[in-house]
């Protein structure tokens, strides 16, 4: 636990997630997608597209976005917001690297519109 009363859980190693790919973890009935960019930045989003309920963990990662494999919406890995003319937002979870360990905080981040 850190000073903000956030609980961080180790969920794997950086090498468990392919570059420009994703892996899923479960938290109760919720699925969370862990994304890794080509630059080894790591992001965590709820694994559901707000447009079609598709699994965004199966989408293509490019820079700091992922495209839904079902409807092709682009979703920001940083904010969870749909990009371009599309409107919607998925939950974003804090994630960090400690050495090679990926740690996830299960308190979603809320971005103001």
Protein backbone atom coordinates (compact mmCIF):
# COMPACT_ATOMS: atom_id res chain seq x y z
CA UNK A 1 0.00 0.00 0.00
CA UNK A 2 1.34 3.43 -0.76
CA UNK A 3 0.72 6.83 0.81
CA UNK A 4 -2.52 7.41 -1.14
CA UNK A 5 -4.09 4.25 0.30
CA UNK A 6 -3.92 2.67 -3.14
CA UNK A 7 -3.37 -1.07 -3.18
CA UNK A 8 -1.03 -2.25 -5.93
CA UNK A 9 -1.10 -5.88 -7.05
CA UNK A 10 1.64 -7.52 -9.08
CA UNK A 11 0.04 -9.15 -12.10
CA UNK A 12 3.04 -10.33 -14.11
CA UNK A 13 6.26 -9.32 -15.80
CA UNK A 14 6.78 -6.92 -18.69
CA UNK A 15 7.95 -9.87 -20.79
CA UNK A 16 4.52 -11.52 -20.29
CA UNK A 17 2.94 -8.89 -22.56
CA UNK A 18 4.16 -8.73 -26.18
CA UNK A 19 5.24 -5.38 -27.56
CA UNK A 20 2.27 -3.74 -29.34
CA UNK A 21 0.03 -6.36 -27.74
CA UNK A 22 -2.09 -7.10 -24.69
CA UNK A 23 -2.92 -9.67 -22.05
CA UNK A 24 -6.08 -9.92 -19.94
CA UNK A 25 -6.49 -10.27 -16.21
CA UNK A 26 -9.76 -10.88 -14.38
CA UNK A 27 -11.05 -8.97 -11.39
CA UNK A 28 -14.31 -10.61 -10.38
CA UNK A 29 -16.49 -10.52 -13.49
CA UNK A 30 -14.51 -7.60 -14.97
CA UNK A 31 -11.77 -8.22 -17.51
CA UNK A 32 -8.87 -5.76 -17.61
CA UNK A 33 -6.59 -5.48 -20.64
CA UNK A 34 -2.91 -4.78 -19.99
CA UNK A 35 -1.31 -3.14 -23.04
CA UNK A 36 2.37 -2.72 -23.91
CA UNK A 37 3.50 -0.26 -26.56
CA UNK A 38 6.55 -0.58 -28.78
CA UNK A 39 8.30 1.87 -26.40
CA UNK A 40 7.49 -0.47 -23.44
CA UNK A 41 4.88 1.87 -21.94
CA UNK A 42 2.21 -0.10 -20.08
CA UNK A 43 -1.51 0.77 -19.80
CA UNK A 44 -4.55 -0.90 -18.24
CA UNK A 45 -8.14 -0.49 -19.50
CA UNK A 46 -11.37 -2.36 -18.96
CA UNK A 47 -11.46 -4.90 -21.78
CA UNK A 48 -14.66 -3.74 -23.45
CA UNK A 49 -15.37 -1.31 -26.29
CA UNK A 50 -18.05 1.20 -25.34
CA UNK A 51 -19.43 1.10 -28.88
CA UNK A 52 -19.88 -2.63 -29.50
CA UNK A 53 -18.77 -4.47 -26.31
CA UNK A 54 -15.89 -6.00 -28.28
CA UNK A 55 -12.70 -7.19 -26.51
CA UNK A 56 -10.22 -4.35 -27.08
CA UNK A 57 -7.41 -6.61 -25.82
CA UNK A 58 -7.63 -8.32 -29.23
CA UNK A 59 -7.16 -5.03 -31.10
CA UNK A 60 -4.10 -3.56 -32.77
CA UNK A 61 -1.91 -1.35 -30.55
CA UNK A 62 -0.25 1.64 -32.22
CA UNK A 63 1.58 4.33 -30.28
CA UNK A 64 -0.82 5.17 -27.41
CA UNK A 65 -4.06 3.81 -28.86
CA UNK A 66 -5.79 0.53 -29.63
CA UNK A 67 -8.33 -0.21 -32.33
CA UNK A 68 -11.35 -2.33 -31.46
CA UNK A 69 -11.19 -5.58 -33.47
CA UNK A 70 -14.97 -5.58 -33.94
CA UNK A 71 -15.95 -1.99 -34.86
CA UNK A 72 -12.50 -0.41 -35.52
CA UNK A 73 -12.99 2.46 -33.03
CA UNK A 74 -9.66 3.94 -31.91
CA UNK A 75 -9.38 4.18 -28.11
CA UNK A 76 -6.72 6.17 -26.26
CA UNK A 77 -4.62 3.99 -23.96
CA UNK A 78 -3.92 7.03 -21.81
CA UNK A 79 -7.49 8.23 -21.18
CA UNK A 80 -9.75 5.40 -22.40
CA UNK A 81 -11.60 7.87 -24.62
CA UNK A 82 -12.74 7.10 -28.14
CA UNK A 83 -10.71 9.11 -30.62
CA UNK A 84 -11.74 11.12 -33.66
CA UNK A 85 -15.46 11.72 -34.09
CA UNK A 86 -16.43 8.76 -31.91
CA UNK A 87 -17.74 9.31 -28.39
CA UNK A 88 -17.30 7.02 -25.39
CA UNK A 89 -14.83 6.10 -22.70
CA UNK A 90 -13.67 2.86 -21.08
CA UNK A 91 -12.35 2.62 -17.53
CA UNK A 92 -8.63 3.27 -17.13
CA UNK A 93 -6.68 1.72 -14.26
CA UNK A 94 -3.36 2.93 -12.85
CA UNK A 95 -0.50 0.63 -13.78
CA UNK A 96 3.21 0.90 -13.12
CA UNK A 97 6.46 -0.95 -13.65
CA UNK A 98 8.65 -1.77 -10.67
CA UNK A 99 11.83 -3.20 -12.15
CA UNK A 100 10.27 -5.73 -14.57
CA UNK A 101 7.09 -6.32 -12.54
CA UNK A 102 3.76 -4.94 -13.73
CA UNK A 103 1.67 -3.63 -10.85
CA UNK A 104 -2.02 -2.75 -11.17
CA UNK A 105 -4.18 -0.57 -8.93
CA UNK A 106 -7.83 -1.61 -9.10
CA UNK A 107 -9.16 1.89 -8.47
CA UNK A 108 -10.14 3.31 -11.89
CA UNK A 109 -8.94 6.75 -12.88
CA UNK A 110 -11.70 9.18 -13.83
CA UNK A 111 -10.83 11.86 -16.37
CA UNK A 112 -12.93 15.02 -16.49
CA UNK A 113 -14.66 15.67 -19.80
